[in-house]
N, C-alpha and C. Protein backbone atom coordinates (compact mmCIF):
# COMPACT_ATOMS: atom_id res chain seq x y z
N MET A 1 5.60 7.09 -4.58
CA MET A 1 6.46 6.00 -4.98
C MET A 1 6.70 5.09 -3.78
N ALA A 2 6.53 3.82 -3.97
CA ALA A 2 6.69 2.86 -2.88
C ALA A 2 8.16 2.56 -2.62
N VAL A 3 8.46 2.17 -1.40
CA VAL A 3 9.80 1.74 -1.00
C VAL A 3 9.70 0.31 -0.48
N ASN A 4 10.83 -0.35 -0.35
CA ASN A 4 10.90 -1.75 0.08
C ASN A 4 10.12 -2.66 -0.86
N THR A 5 10.19 -2.39 -2.14
CA THR A 5 9.50 -3.20 -3.14
C THR A 5 10.38 -4.39 -3.53
N ALA A 6 9.86 -5.25 -4.40
CA ALA A 6 10.64 -6.38 -4.90
C ALA A 6 11.88 -5.85 -5.63
N VAL A 7 12.99 -6.52 -5.43
CA VAL A 7 14.25 -6.09 -6.03
C VAL A 7 14.43 -6.68 -7.43
N ASN A 8 14.06 -7.94 -7.60
CA ASN A 8 14.36 -8.65 -8.84
C ASN A 8 13.15 -8.95 -9.72
N VAL A 9 11.96 -8.55 -9.32
CA VAL A 9 10.76 -8.86 -10.09
C VAL A 9 10.02 -7.57 -10.40
N MET A 10 9.57 -7.45 -11.65
CA MET A 10 8.82 -6.27 -12.07
C MET A 10 7.56 -6.67 -12.82
N PHE A 11 6.50 -5.89 -12.66
CA PHE A 11 5.29 -5.98 -13.47
C PHE A 11 5.23 -4.69 -14.26
N SER A 12 5.06 -4.76 -15.55
CA SER A 12 4.98 -3.57 -16.42
C SER A 12 6.18 -2.64 -16.21
N GLN A 13 7.36 -3.22 -16.08
CA GLN A 13 8.62 -2.49 -15.92
C GLN A 13 8.67 -1.64 -14.65
N ARG A 14 7.93 -2.04 -13.63
CA ARG A 14 7.96 -1.35 -12.33
C ARG A 14 8.10 -2.40 -11.23
N PRO A 15 8.79 -2.06 -10.14
CA PRO A 15 8.95 -3.02 -9.04
C PRO A 15 7.60 -3.45 -8.47
N VAL A 16 7.51 -4.72 -8.10
CA VAL A 16 6.28 -5.26 -7.53
C VAL A 16 6.16 -4.84 -6.07
N ILE A 17 4.96 -4.44 -5.68
CA ILE A 17 4.68 -4.10 -4.29
C ILE A 17 4.22 -5.36 -3.57
N HIS A 18 4.85 -5.64 -2.44
CA HIS A 18 4.45 -6.78 -1.62
C HIS A 18 4.07 -6.27 -0.23
N LYS A 19 3.71 -7.20 0.63
CA LYS A 19 3.16 -6.82 1.94
C LYS A 19 4.12 -5.99 2.79
N MET A 20 5.41 -6.10 2.59
CA MET A 20 6.38 -5.34 3.37
C MET A 20 6.72 -3.99 2.74
N SER A 21 6.12 -3.67 1.60
CA SER A 21 6.36 -2.38 0.94
C SER A 21 5.64 -1.27 1.69
N GLU A 22 6.10 -0.05 1.51
CA GLU A 22 5.48 1.13 2.13
C GLU A 22 5.40 2.26 1.12
N ILE A 23 4.40 3.09 1.28
CA ILE A 23 4.33 4.34 0.53
C ILE A 23 4.62 5.43 1.56
N PRO A 24 5.78 6.09 1.45
CA PRO A 24 6.21 7.03 2.50
C PRO A 24 5.23 8.17 2.78
N LEU A 25 4.58 8.68 1.76
CA LEU A 25 3.64 9.79 1.96
C LEU A 25 2.32 9.47 1.28
N SER A 26 1.27 9.27 2.08
CA SER A 26 -0.05 9.08 1.49
C SER A 26 -0.62 10.44 1.14
N SER A 27 -1.56 10.48 0.22
CA SER A 27 -2.14 11.76 -0.16
C SER A 27 -3.65 11.63 -0.25
N GLY A 28 -4.30 12.77 -0.30
CA GLY A 28 -5.75 12.80 -0.39
C GLY A 28 -6.40 13.35 0.86
N ASP A 29 -5.61 13.52 1.92
CA ASP A 29 -6.18 14.04 3.17
C ASP A 29 -5.55 15.38 3.56
N GLU A 30 -5.10 16.13 2.56
CA GLU A 30 -4.40 17.38 2.82
C GLU A 30 -5.31 18.53 3.27
N ALA A 31 -6.59 18.39 3.10
CA ALA A 31 -7.49 19.52 3.42
C ALA A 31 -7.42 19.93 4.89
N GLY A 32 -7.27 18.98 5.78
CA GLY A 32 -7.17 19.32 7.20
C GLY A 32 -5.79 19.86 7.53
N THR A 33 -5.72 20.97 8.22
CA THR A 33 -4.42 21.57 8.53
C THR A 33 -3.89 21.13 9.88
N GLY A 34 -4.76 20.68 10.77
CA GLY A 34 -4.32 20.28 12.10
C GLY A 34 -4.18 18.79 12.27
N GLY A 35 -4.27 18.05 11.19
CA GLY A 35 -4.21 16.60 11.28
C GLY A 35 -5.60 16.02 11.49
N GLY A 36 -5.67 14.71 11.54
CA GLY A 36 -6.95 14.04 11.72
C GLY A 36 -7.53 14.29 13.10
N VAL A 37 -8.84 14.17 13.21
CA VAL A 37 -9.53 14.40 14.48
C VAL A 37 -9.06 13.42 15.53
N LYS A 38 -8.95 12.14 15.18
CA LYS A 38 -8.53 11.13 16.15
C LYS A 38 -7.02 10.93 16.17
N SER A 39 -6.41 10.86 14.98
CA SER A 39 -4.99 10.53 14.92
C SER A 39 -4.07 11.73 15.09
N GLY A 40 -4.55 12.91 14.69
CA GLY A 40 -3.71 14.11 14.78
C GLY A 40 -2.64 14.18 13.71
N VAL A 41 -2.67 13.27 12.73
CA VAL A 41 -1.66 13.26 11.67
C VAL A 41 -2.33 13.22 10.31
N PHE A 42 -1.59 13.61 9.28
CA PHE A 42 -2.02 13.46 7.89
C PHE A 42 -0.79 13.44 7.01
N ILE A 43 -0.94 12.94 5.81
CA ILE A 43 0.14 12.80 4.83
C ILE A 43 1.31 11.99 5.42
N GLN A 44 1.01 10.88 6.07
CA GLN A 44 2.04 9.99 6.61
C GLN A 44 2.13 8.73 5.76
N LYS A 45 2.93 7.78 6.18
CA LYS A 45 3.15 6.58 5.37
C LYS A 45 1.92 5.68 5.33
N ALA A 46 1.85 4.90 4.27
CA ALA A 46 0.80 3.89 4.10
C ALA A 46 1.49 2.53 4.02
N THR A 47 0.96 1.56 4.75
CA THR A 47 1.49 0.20 4.74
C THR A 47 0.39 -0.77 4.34
N PHE A 48 0.77 -1.88 3.78
CA PHE A 48 -0.20 -2.87 3.31
C PHE A 48 -0.39 -3.93 4.39
N THR A 49 -1.64 -4.20 4.73
CA THR A 49 -1.94 -5.16 5.80
C THR A 49 -2.38 -6.51 5.26
N MET A 50 -2.59 -6.61 3.95
CA MET A 50 -3.01 -7.87 3.35
C MET A 50 -2.19 -8.15 2.09
N GLY A 51 -2.00 -9.43 1.82
CA GLY A 51 -1.35 -9.84 0.59
C GLY A 51 -1.98 -11.12 0.09
N ALA A 52 -1.69 -11.48 -1.13
CA ALA A 52 -2.25 -12.69 -1.73
C ALA A 52 -1.77 -13.93 -0.98
N SER A 53 -2.67 -14.86 -0.70
CA SER A 53 -2.31 -16.04 0.07
C SER A 53 -1.48 -17.04 -0.74
N LYS A 54 -1.60 -17.01 -2.07
CA LYS A 54 -0.90 -18.00 -2.89
C LYS A 54 0.12 -17.41 -3.84
N VAL A 55 0.30 -16.09 -3.82
CA VAL A 55 1.26 -15.46 -4.73
C VAL A 55 2.30 -14.71 -3.89
N THR A 56 3.54 -15.20 -3.94
CA THR A 56 4.62 -14.54 -3.21
C THR A 56 5.75 -14.19 -4.18
N ILE A 57 6.42 -13.11 -3.86
CA ILE A 57 7.60 -12.70 -4.62
C ILE A 57 8.67 -12.35 -3.61
N GLU A 58 9.83 -12.97 -3.79
CA GLU A 58 10.95 -12.77 -2.87
C GLU A 58 10.54 -13.04 -1.43
N GLY A 59 9.68 -14.05 -1.25
CA GLY A 59 9.26 -14.48 0.08
C GLY A 59 8.17 -13.66 0.72
N GLN A 60 7.63 -12.68 0.02
CA GLN A 60 6.58 -11.81 0.58
C GLN A 60 5.30 -11.94 -0.23
N GLN A 61 4.16 -11.82 0.45
CA GLN A 61 2.87 -11.87 -0.23
C GLN A 61 2.70 -10.64 -1.11
N VAL A 62 2.25 -10.85 -2.35
CA VAL A 62 2.03 -9.75 -3.29
C VAL A 62 0.74 -9.03 -2.93
N VAL A 63 0.76 -7.70 -2.99
CA VAL A 63 -0.43 -6.90 -2.72
C VAL A 63 -1.32 -6.94 -3.95
N TYR A 64 -2.61 -7.01 -3.73
CA TYR A 64 -3.56 -7.10 -4.83
C TYR A 64 -4.59 -5.97 -4.72
N GLN A 65 -5.30 -5.75 -5.82
CA GLN A 65 -6.36 -4.73 -5.83
C GLN A 65 -7.43 -5.16 -4.84
N SER A 66 -7.87 -4.29 -4.00
CA SER A 66 -8.84 -4.44 -2.91
C SER A 66 -8.20 -4.89 -1.60
N ALA A 67 -6.87 -4.94 -1.54
CA ALA A 67 -6.18 -5.28 -0.29
C ALA A 67 -6.28 -4.12 0.69
N ASN A 68 -6.35 -4.45 1.98
CA ASN A 68 -6.42 -3.41 3.01
C ASN A 68 -5.09 -2.67 3.14
N VAL A 69 -5.20 -1.38 3.41
CA VAL A 69 -4.03 -0.51 3.57
C VAL A 69 -4.22 0.31 4.84
N ALA A 70 -3.15 0.44 5.64
CA ALA A 70 -3.19 1.28 6.84
C ALA A 70 -2.51 2.60 6.50
N HIS A 71 -3.20 3.70 6.71
CA HIS A 71 -2.69 5.02 6.36
C HIS A 71 -2.22 5.78 7.60
N ASN A 72 -1.44 6.82 7.36
CA ASN A 72 -0.97 7.72 8.41
C ASN A 72 -0.26 6.99 9.54
N GLY A 73 0.71 6.17 9.18
CA GLY A 73 1.50 5.48 10.19
C GLY A 73 0.79 4.30 10.81
N ALA A 74 -0.08 3.65 10.08
CA ALA A 74 -0.79 2.45 10.52
C ALA A 74 -1.74 2.71 11.67
N SER A 75 -2.28 3.90 11.77
CA SER A 75 -3.28 4.20 12.79
C SER A 75 -4.49 3.31 12.57
N PHE A 76 -4.95 2.66 13.62
CA PHE A 76 -6.05 1.72 13.49
C PHE A 76 -7.35 2.36 13.03
N ASN A 77 -7.48 3.66 13.20
CA ASN A 77 -8.74 4.32 12.81
C ASN A 77 -8.70 4.89 11.40
N ILE A 78 -7.67 4.59 10.63
CA ILE A 78 -7.57 5.10 9.27
C ILE A 78 -7.39 3.93 8.29
N PRO A 79 -8.35 3.01 8.21
CA PRO A 79 -8.19 1.92 7.24
C PRO A 79 -8.44 2.40 5.83
N GLY A 80 -7.85 1.75 4.90
CA GLY A 80 -8.05 2.09 3.50
C GLY A 80 -8.03 0.83 2.65
N VAL A 81 -8.24 1.00 1.36
CA VAL A 81 -8.26 -0.12 0.43
C VAL A 81 -7.56 0.29 -0.85
N GLN A 82 -6.77 -0.61 -1.42
CA GLN A 82 -6.16 -0.38 -2.73
C GLN A 82 -7.25 -0.58 -3.77
N THR A 83 -7.85 0.51 -4.26
CA THR A 83 -8.99 0.38 -5.17
C THR A 83 -8.60 0.48 -6.64
N ALA A 84 -7.63 1.27 -6.97
CA ALA A 84 -7.22 1.44 -8.37
C ALA A 84 -5.96 0.62 -8.63
N PRO A 85 -5.93 -0.13 -9.71
CA PRO A 85 -4.71 -0.90 -10.00
C PRO A 85 -3.56 0.02 -10.40
N SER A 86 -2.37 -0.32 -9.95
CA SER A 86 -1.18 0.45 -10.33
C SER A 86 -0.77 0.15 -11.76
N GLN A 87 -1.12 -1.02 -12.23
CA GLN A 87 -0.90 -1.43 -13.61
C GLN A 87 -1.98 -2.44 -13.94
N SER A 88 -2.21 -2.70 -15.21
CA SER A 88 -3.32 -3.58 -15.58
C SER A 88 -2.90 -4.78 -16.43
N ASN A 89 -1.61 -5.07 -16.48
CA ASN A 89 -1.14 -6.21 -17.26
C ASN A 89 -1.12 -7.51 -16.46
N VAL A 90 -0.84 -7.43 -15.17
CA VAL A 90 -0.80 -8.60 -14.30
C VAL A 90 -1.78 -8.36 -13.16
N MET A 91 -2.77 -9.22 -13.05
CA MET A 91 -3.75 -9.09 -11.97
C MET A 91 -3.58 -10.27 -11.02
N VAL A 92 -3.51 -9.98 -9.71
CA VAL A 92 -3.35 -11.00 -8.68
C VAL A 92 -4.63 -11.05 -7.88
N THR A 93 -5.09 -12.24 -7.54
CA THR A 93 -6.29 -12.38 -6.72
C THR A 93 -5.90 -12.84 -5.33
N PRO A 94 -6.76 -12.58 -4.35
CA PRO A 94 -6.44 -12.95 -2.96
C PRO A 94 -6.19 -14.43 -2.82
């Protein structure tokens, strides 16, 4: 569940994620028990590094499908991408 989402705007009855939103615990990298080889961490927060250039909500750029995401505390060696849409009723393009 994301935090720091839009307060007054919702898509499909859920708060909109914008560039300043965070996902406190990323998942999918639990297999390693000692953390990542380079970063030494896993299951940390994910932050969004890109947002739509022409779509803003509450003054923040809206995150779109295929936007870059920084995982495990924004470590530069763990880039990711928002590949699956969180909802499919409203689609935003870069």
